[in-house]
PDB file of N, CA and C in Angstrom:
ATOM      1  N   MET A   1      29.770  23.826   2.936  1.00  0.00           N
ATOM      2  CA  MET A   1      28.658  24.136   2.067  1.00  0.00           C
ATOM      3  C   MET A   1      27.926  22.868   1.639  1.00  0.00           C
ATOM      4  N   LYS A   2      28.672  21.794   1.402  1.00  0.00           N
ATOM      5  CA  LYS A   2      28.050  20.537   0.997  1.00  0.00           C
ATOM      6  C   LYS A   2      27.160  19.992   2.110  1.00  0.00           C
ATOM      7  N   LYS A   3      27.618  20.135   3.357  1.00  0.00           N
ATOM      8  CA  LYS A   3      26.815  19.652   4.486  1.00  0.00           C
ATOM      9  C   LYS A   3      25.513  20.437   4.599  1.00  0.00           C
ATOM     10  N   PHE A   4      25.593  21.733   4.337  1.00  0.00           N
ATOM     11  CA  PHE A   4      24.392  22.570   4.395  1.00  0.00           C
ATOM     12  C   PHE A   4      23.390  22.139   3.328  1.00  0.00           C
ATOM     13  N   MET A   5      23.862  21.907   2.119  1.00  0.00           N
ATOM     14  CA  MET A   5      22.971  21.488   1.029  1.00  0.00           C
ATOM     15  C   MET A   5      22.370  20.120   1.322  1.00  0.00           C
ATOM     16  N   LEU A   6      23.143  19.235   1.909  1.00  0.00           N
ATOM     17  CA  LEU A   6      22.643  17.918   2.281  1.00  0.00           C
ATOM     18  C   LEU A   6      21.539  18.059   3.334  1.00  0.00           C
ATOM     19  N   ALA A   7      21.757  18.908   4.317  1.00  0.00           N
ATOM     20  CA  ALA A   7      20.756  19.127   5.363  1.00  0.00           C
ATOM     21  C   ALA A   7      19.476  19.706   4.783  1.00  0.00           C
ATOM     22  N   VAL A   8      19.597  20.663   3.884  1.00  0.00           N
ATOM     23  CA  VAL A   8      18.416  21.264   3.245  1.00  0.00           C
ATOM     24  C   VAL A   8      17.668  20.209   2.442  1.00  0.00           C
ATOM     25  N   GLY A   9      18.381  19.373   1.738  1.00  0.00           N
ATOM     26  CA  GLY A   9      17.755  18.303   0.952  1.00  0.00           C
ATOM     27  C   GLY A   9      17.005  17.320   1.824  1.00  0.00           C
ATOM     28  N   LEU A  10      17.616  16.909   2.930  1.00  0.00           N
ATOM     29  CA  LEU A  10      16.963  15.972   3.842  1.00  0.00           C
ATOM     30  C   LEU A  10      15.741  16.589   4.499  1.00  0.00           C
ATOM     31  N   LEU A  11      15.829  17.859   4.869  1.00  0.00           N
ATOM     32  CA  LEU A  11      14.683  18.529   5.478  1.00  0.00           C
ATOM     33  C   LEU A  11      13.528  18.668   4.502  1.00  0.00           C
ATOM     34  N   SER A  12      13.830  18.890   3.238  1.00  0.00           N
ATOM     35  CA  SER A  12      12.748  19.015   2.253  1.00  0.00           C
ATOM     36  C   SER A  12      12.046  17.675   2.061  1.00  0.00           C
ATOM     37  N   LEU A  13      12.795  16.583   2.110  1.00  0.00           N
ATOM     38  CA  LEU A  13      12.169  15.261   2.018  1.00  0.00           C
ATOM     39  C   LEU A  13      11.305  14.983   3.240  1.00  0.00           C
ATOM     40  N   ALA A  14      11.793  15.311   4.405  1.00  0.00           N
ATOM     41  CA  ALA A  14      11.033  15.100   5.635  1.00  0.00           C
ATOM     42  C   ALA A  14       9.801  15.987   5.655  1.00  0.00           C
ATOM     43  N   GLY A  15       9.905  17.197   5.151  1.00  0.00           N
ATOM     44  CA  GLY A  15       8.765  18.105   5.107  1.00  0.00           C
ATOM     45  C   GLY A  15       7.654  17.575   4.224  1.00  0.00           C
ATOM     46  N   GLY A  16       8.008  16.931   3.110  1.00  0.00           N
ATOM     47  CA  GLY A  16       7.006  16.355   2.226  1.00  0.00           C
ATOM     48  C   GLY A  16       6.258  15.218   2.887  1.00  0.00           C
ATOM     49  N   ALA A  17       6.966  14.407   3.649  1.00  0.00           N
ATOM     50  CA  ALA A  17       6.311  13.305   4.352  1.00  0.00           C
ATOM     51  C   ALA A  17       5.416  13.834   5.458  1.00  0.00           C
ATOM     52  N   PHE A  18       5.842  14.892   6.130  1.00  0.00           N
ATOM     53  CA  PHE A  18       5.046  15.472   7.210  1.00  0.00           C
ATOM     54  C   PHE A  18       3.755  16.081   6.664  1.00  0.00           C
ATOM     55  N   ALA A  19       3.834  16.707   5.513  1.00  0.00           N
ATOM     56  CA  ALA A  19       2.666  17.359   4.931  1.00  0.00           C
ATOM     57  C   ALA A  19       1.598  16.346   4.534  1.00  0.00           C
ATOM     58  N   ALA A  20       1.990  15.104   4.289  1.00  0.00           N
ATOM     59  CA  ALA A  20       1.025  14.080   3.905  1.00  0.00           C
ATOM     60  C   ALA A  20       0.096  13.741   5.057  1.00  0.00           C
ATOM     61  N   GLY A  21       0.516  13.960   6.294  1.00  0.00           N
ATOM     62  CA  GLY A  21      -0.328  13.698   7.449  1.00  0.00           C
ATOM     63  C   GLY A  21      -0.282  12.243   7.857  1.00  0.00           C
ATOM     64  N   LYS A  22      -0.781  12.005   9.066  1.00  0.00           N
ATOM     65  CA  LYS A  22      -0.815  10.646   9.593  1.00  0.00           C
ATOM     66  C   LYS A  22      -2.016   9.893   9.039  1.00  0.00           C
ATOM     67  N   PRO A  23      -1.886   8.566   8.979  1.00  0.00           N
ATOM     68  CA  PRO A  23      -3.066   7.766   8.656  1.00  0.00           C
ATOM     69  C   PRO A  23      -4.101   7.915   9.775  1.00  0.00           C
ATOM     70  N   CYS A  24      -5.363   7.941   9.419  1.00  0.00           N
ATOM     71  CA  CYS A  24      -6.422   8.202  10.396  1.00  0.00           C
ATOM     72  C   CYS A  24      -6.490   7.150  11.498  1.00  0.00           C
ATOM     73  N   GLU A  25      -6.335   5.890  11.158  1.00  0.00           N
ATOM     74  CA  GLU A  25      -6.423   4.832  12.169  1.00  0.00           C
ATOM     75  C   GLU A  25      -5.310   4.972  13.202  1.00  0.00           C
ATOM     76  N   GLU A  26      -4.124   5.356  12.754  1.00  0.00           N
ATOM     77  CA  GLU A  26      -2.985   5.544  13.665  1.00  0.00           C
ATOM     78  C   GLU A  26      -3.251   6.707  14.624  1.00  0.00           C
ATOM     79  N   LEU A  27      -3.732   7.818  14.089  1.00  0.00           N
ATOM     80  CA  LEU A  27      -4.026   8.981  14.928  1.00  0.00           C
ATOM     81  C   LEU A  27      -5.162   8.680  15.901  1.00  0.00           C
ATOM     82  N   LYS A  28      -6.183   7.978  15.435  1.00  0.00           N
ATOM     83  CA  LYS A  28      -7.312   7.611  16.289  1.00  0.00           C
ATOM     84  C   LYS A  28      -6.836   6.745  17.460  1.00  0.00           C
ATOM     85  N   ALA A  29      -5.940   5.802  17.197  1.00  0.00           N
ATOM     86  CA  ALA A  29      -5.394   4.941  18.247  1.00  0.00           C
ATOM     87  C   ALA A  29      -4.590   5.750  19.258  1.00  0.00           C
ATOM     88  N   GLU A  30      -3.820   6.733  18.784  1.00  0.00           N
ATOM     89  CA  GLU A  30      -3.037   7.574  19.693  1.00  0.00           C
ATOM     90  C   GLU A  30      -3.949   8.412  20.585  1.00  0.00           C
ATOM     91  N   ILE A  31      -4.998   8.980  20.018  1.00  0.00           N
ATOM     92  CA  ILE A  31      -5.931   9.793  20.803  1.00  0.00           C
ATOM     93  C   ILE A  31      -6.649   8.929  21.821  1.00  0.00           C
ATOM     94  N   ALA A  32      -7.081   7.732  21.409  1.00  0.00           N
ATOM     95  CA  ALA A  32      -7.770   6.819  22.329  1.00  0.00           C
ATOM     96  C   ALA A  32      -6.849   6.427  23.484  1.00  0.00           C
ATOM     97  N   ALA A  33      -5.575   6.188  23.196  1.00  0.00           N
ATOM     98  CA  ALA A  33      -4.618   5.823  24.244  1.00  0.00           C
ATOM     99  C   ALA A  33      -4.460   6.962  25.254  1.00  0.00           C
ATOM    100  N   LYS A  34      -4.415   8.199  24.772  1.00  0.00           N
ATOM    101  CA  LYS A  34      -4.290   9.351  25.670  1.00  0.00           C
ATOM    102  C   LYS A  34      -5.535   9.511  26.534  1.00  0.00           C
ATOM    103  N   LEU A  35      -6.703   9.329  25.934  1.00  0.00           N
ATOM    104  CA  LEU A  35      -7.947   9.443  26.711  1.00  0.00           C
ATOM    105  C   LEU A  35      -8.043   8.337  27.757  1.00  0.00           C
ATOM    106  N   ASP A  36      -7.687   7.123  27.370  1.00  0.00           N
ATOM    107  CA  ASP A  36      -7.716   5.998  28.313  1.00  0.00           C
ATOM    108  C   ASP A  36      -6.740   6.212  29.459  1.00  0.00           C
ATOM    109  N   ALA A  37      -5.568   6.778  29.156  1.00  0.00           N
ATOM    110  CA  ALA A  37      -4.563   7.034  30.189  1.00  0.00           C
ATOM    111  C   ALA A  37      -5.054   8.065  31.200  1.00  0.00           C
ATOM    112  N   LYS A  38      -5.922   8.975  30.753  1.00  0.00           N
ATOM    113  CA  LYS A  38      -6.483   9.986  31.659  1.00  0.00           C
ATOM    114  C   LYS A  38      -7.713   9.477  32.394  1.00  0.00           C
ATOM    115  N   GLY A  39      -8.135   8.238  32.119  1.00  0.00           N
ATOM    116  CA  GLY A  39      -9.273   7.655  32.804  1.00  0.00           C
ATOM    117  C   GLY A  39     -10.622   8.030  32.206  1.00  0.00           C
ATOM    118  N   VAL A  40     -10.629   8.537  30.991  1.00  0.00           N
ATOM    119  CA  VAL A  40     -11.880   8.916  30.327  1.00  0.00           C
ATOM    120  C   VAL A  40     -12.581   7.640  29.855  1.00  0.00           C
ATOM    121  N   SER A  41     -13.884   7.558  30.096  1.00  0.00           N
ATOM    122  CA  SER A  41     -14.659   6.411  29.624  1.00  0.00           C
ATOM    123  C   SER A  41     -15.974   6.903  29.043  1.00  0.00           C
ATOM    124  N   GLY A  42     -16.665   6.047  28.342  1.00  0.00           N
ATOM    125  CA  GLY A  42     -17.949   6.404  27.764  1.00  0.00           C
ATOM    126  C   GLY A  42     -17.849   7.393  26.627  1.00  0.00           C
ATOM    127  N   TYR A  43     -16.875   7.220  25.753  1.00  0.00           N
ATOM    128  CA  TYR A  43     -16.691   8.119  24.624  1.00  0.00           C
ATOM    129  C   TYR A  43     -16.579   7.296  23.342  1.00  0.00           C
ATOM    130  N   SER A  44     -16.686   7.977  22.223  1.00  0.00           N
ATOM    131  CA  SER A  44     -16.417   7.328  20.941  1.00  0.00           C
ATOM    132  C   SER A  44     -15.609   8.282  20.077  1.00  0.00           C
ATOM    133  N   LEU A  45     -14.784   7.706  19.246  1.00  0.00           N
ATOM    134  CA  LEU A  45     -14.010   8.461  18.274  1.00  0.00           C
ATOM    135  C   LEU A  45     -14.432   7.979  16.897  1.00  0.00           C
ATOM    136  N   GLU A  46     -14.720   8.912  16.023  1.00  0.00           N
ATOM    137  CA  GLU A  46     -15.183   8.559  14.689  1.00  0.00           C
ATOM    138  C   GLU A  46     -14.373   9.324  13.650  1.00  0.00           C
ATOM    139  N   ILE A  47     -14.036   8.657  12.562  1.00  0.00           N
ATOM    140  CA  ILE A  47     -13.318   9.282  11.458  1.00  0.00           C
ATOM    141  C   ILE A  47     -14.359   9.738  10.436  1.00  0.00           C
ATOM    142  N   VAL A  48     -14.349  11.033  10.125  1.00  0.00           N
ATOM    143  CA  VAL A  48     -15.316  11.594   9.173  1.00  0.00           C
ATOM    144  C   VAL A  48     -14.592  12.464   8.160  1.00  0.00           C
ATOM    145  N   ASP A  49     -15.274  12.764   7.073  1.00  0.00           N
ATOM    146  CA  ASP A  49     -14.720  13.700   6.095  1.00  0.00           C
ATOM    147  C   ASP A  49     -14.685  15.097   6.695  1.00  0.00           C
ATOM    148  N   LYS A  50     -13.768  15.907   6.237  1.00  0.00           N
ATOM    149  CA  LYS A  50     -13.612  17.267   6.757  1.00  0.00           C
ATOM    150  C   LYS A  50     -14.926  18.038   6.647  1.00  0.00           C
ATOM    151  N   GLY A  51     -15.324  18.675   7.732  1.00  0.00           N
ATOM    152  CA  GLY A  51     -16.529  19.492   7.747  1.00  0.00           C
ATOM    153  C   GLY A  51     -17.802  18.736   8.079  1.00  0.00           C
ATOM    154  N   ALA A  52     -17.721  17.416   8.284  1.00  0.00           N
ATOM    155  CA  ALA A  52     -18.915  16.619   8.550  1.00  0.00           C
ATOM    156  C   ALA A  52     -19.165  16.407  10.045  1.00  0.00           C
ATOM    157  N   ALA A  53     -18.416  17.073  10.908  1.00  0.00           N
ATOM    158  CA  ALA A  53     -18.510  16.873  12.356  1.00  0.00           C
ATOM    159  C   ALA A  53     -19.580  17.788  12.955  1.00  0.00           C
ATOM    160  N   ALA A  54     -20.833  17.464  12.761  1.00  0.00           N
ATOM    161  CA  ALA A  54     -21.912  18.324  13.228  1.00  0.00           C
ATOM    162  C   ALA A  54     -22.227  18.130  14.709  1.00  0.00           C
ATOM    163  N   ASP A  55     -22.136  16.913  15.204  1.00  0.00           N
ATOM    164  CA  ASP A  55     -22.559  16.649  16.581  1.00  0.00           C
ATOM    165  C   ASP A  55     -21.438  16.133  17.475  1.00  0.00           C
ATOM    166  N   GLY A  56     -20.217  16.561  17.234  1.00  0.00           N
ATOM    167  CA  GLY A  56     -19.091  16.161  18.056  1.00  0.00           C
ATOM    168  C   GLY A  56     -18.001  17.205  17.995  1.00  0.00           C
ATOM    169  N   LYS A  57     -16.953  16.970  18.771  1.00  0.00           N
ATOM    170  CA  LYS A  57     -15.830  17.902  18.810  1.00  0.00           C
ATOM    171  C   LYS A  57     -14.669  17.318  18.005  1.00  0.00           C
ATOM    172  N   VAL A  58     -14.126  18.102  17.106  1.00  0.00           N
ATOM    173  CA  VAL A  58     -12.979  17.666  16.313  1.00  0.00           C
ATOM    174  C   VAL A  58     -11.748  17.674  17.214  1.00  0.00           C
ATOM    175  N   VAL A  59     -11.109  16.507  17.343  1.00  0.00           N
ATOM    176  CA  VAL A  59      -9.934  16.386  18.204  1.00  0.00           C
ATOM    177  C   VAL A  59      -8.670  16.050  17.422  1.00  0.00           C
ATOM    178  N   GLY A  60      -8.790  15.898  16.103  1.00  0.00           N
ATOM    179  CA  GLY A  60      -7.613  15.621  15.290  1.00  0.00           C
ATOM    180  C   GLY A  60      -7.942  15.673  13.815  1.00  0.00           C
ATOM    181  N   LYS A  61      -6.910  15.921  13.020  1.00  0.00           N
ATOM    182  CA  LYS A  61      -7.050  15.927  11.564  1.00  0.00           C
ATOM    183  C   LYS A  61      -6.031  14.966  11.002  1.00  0.00           C
ATOM    184  N   CYS A  62      -6.400  14.270   9.944  1.00  0.00           N
ATOM    185  CA  CYS A  62      -5.516  13.261   9.380  1.00  0.00           C
ATOM    186  C   CYS A  62      -5.623  13.249   7.863  1.00  0.00           C
ATOM    187  N   GLU A  63      -4.759  12.445   7.248  1.00  0.00           N
ATOM    188  CA  GLU A  63      -4.696  12.308   5.801  1.00  0.00           C
ATOM    189  C   GLU A  63      -4.593  13.664   5.114  1.00  0.00           C
ATOM    190  N   GLY A  64      -3.667  14.466   5.602  1.00  0.00           N
ATOM    191  CA  GLY A  64      -3.412  15.773   5.007  1.00  0.00           C
ATOM    192  C   GLY A  64      -4.518  16.780   5.220  1.00  0.00           C
ATOM    193  N   GLY A  65      -5.328  16.592   6.254  1.00  0.00           N
ATOM    194  CA  GLY A  65      -6.414  17.519   6.549  1.00  0.00           C
ATOM    195  C   GLY A  65      -7.720  17.194   5.840  1.00  0.00           C
ATOM    196  N   ALA A  66      -7.753  16.104   5.077  1.00  0.00           N
ATOM    197  CA  ALA A  66      -8.963  15.742   4.335  1.00  0.00           C
ATOM    198  C   ALA A  66     -10.008  15.086   5.225  1.00  0.00           C
ATOM    199  N   ARG A  67      -9.585  14.496   6.350  1.00  0.00           N
ATOM    200  CA  ARG A  67     -10.506  13.820   7.261  1.00  0.00           C
ATOM    201  C   ARG A  67     -10.244  14.311   8.682  1.00  0.00           C
ATOM    202  N   GLU A  68     -11.226  14.091   9.565  1.00  0.00           N
ATOM    203  CA  GLU A  68     -11.125  14.546  10.950  1.00  0.00           C
ATOM    204  C   GLU A  68     -11.515  13.419  11.901  1.00  0.00           C
ATOM    205  N   ILE A  69     -10.967  13.486  13.106  1.00  0.00           N
ATOM    206  CA  ILE A  69     -11.341  12.572  14.183  1.00  0.00           C
ATOM    207  C   ILE A  69     -12.290  13.340  15.078  1.00  0.00           C
ATOM    208  N   VAL A  70     -13.477  12.788  15.303  1.00  0.00           N
ATOM    209  CA  VAL A  70     -14.507  13.455  16.085  1.00  0.00           C
ATOM    210  C   VAL A  70     -14.722  12.700  17.388  1.00  0.00           C
ATOM    211  N   TYR A  71     -14.728  13.455  18.494  1.00  0.00           N
ATOM    212  CA  TYR A  71     -14.946  12.916  19.839  1.00  0.00           C
ATOM    213  C   TYR A  71     -16.407  13.139  20.218  1.00  0.00           C
ATOM    214  N   LYS A  72     -17.052  12.061  20.673  1.00  0.00           N
ATOM    215  CA  LYS A  72     -18.426  12.163  21.152  1.00  0.00           C
ATOM    216  C   LYS A  72     -18.504  11.521  22.531  1.00  0.00           C
ATOM    217  N   ARG A  73     -19.175  12.173  23.432  1.00  0.00           N
ATOM    218  CA  ARG A  73     -19.331  11.681  24.804  1.00  0.00           C
ATOM    219  C   ARG A  73     -20.611  10.871  24.889  1.00  0.00           C
ATOM    220  N   GLY A  74     -20.549   9.775  25.642  1.00  0.00           N
ATOM    221  CA  GLY A  74     -21.756   8.992  25.922  1.00  0.00           C
ATOM    222  C   GLY A  74     -21.953   7.958  24.956  1.00  0.00           C
TER     223      GLY A  74
END
């Protein structure tokens, strides 16, 4: 029973950190690395406030969903 309670406690701590979300610069770097690995060129990634992505495609959310990473071609 003690092991179960310990596991529940650790999972609740990890869940709180996960809910905070990734820093935007870190997520942007990961997305750029994936695009570069696929040979994509001529694009830009921009960090904007949630809902401000009028002329691009949202490819990621960061900082607990408060900001978005927007992909623009060309």
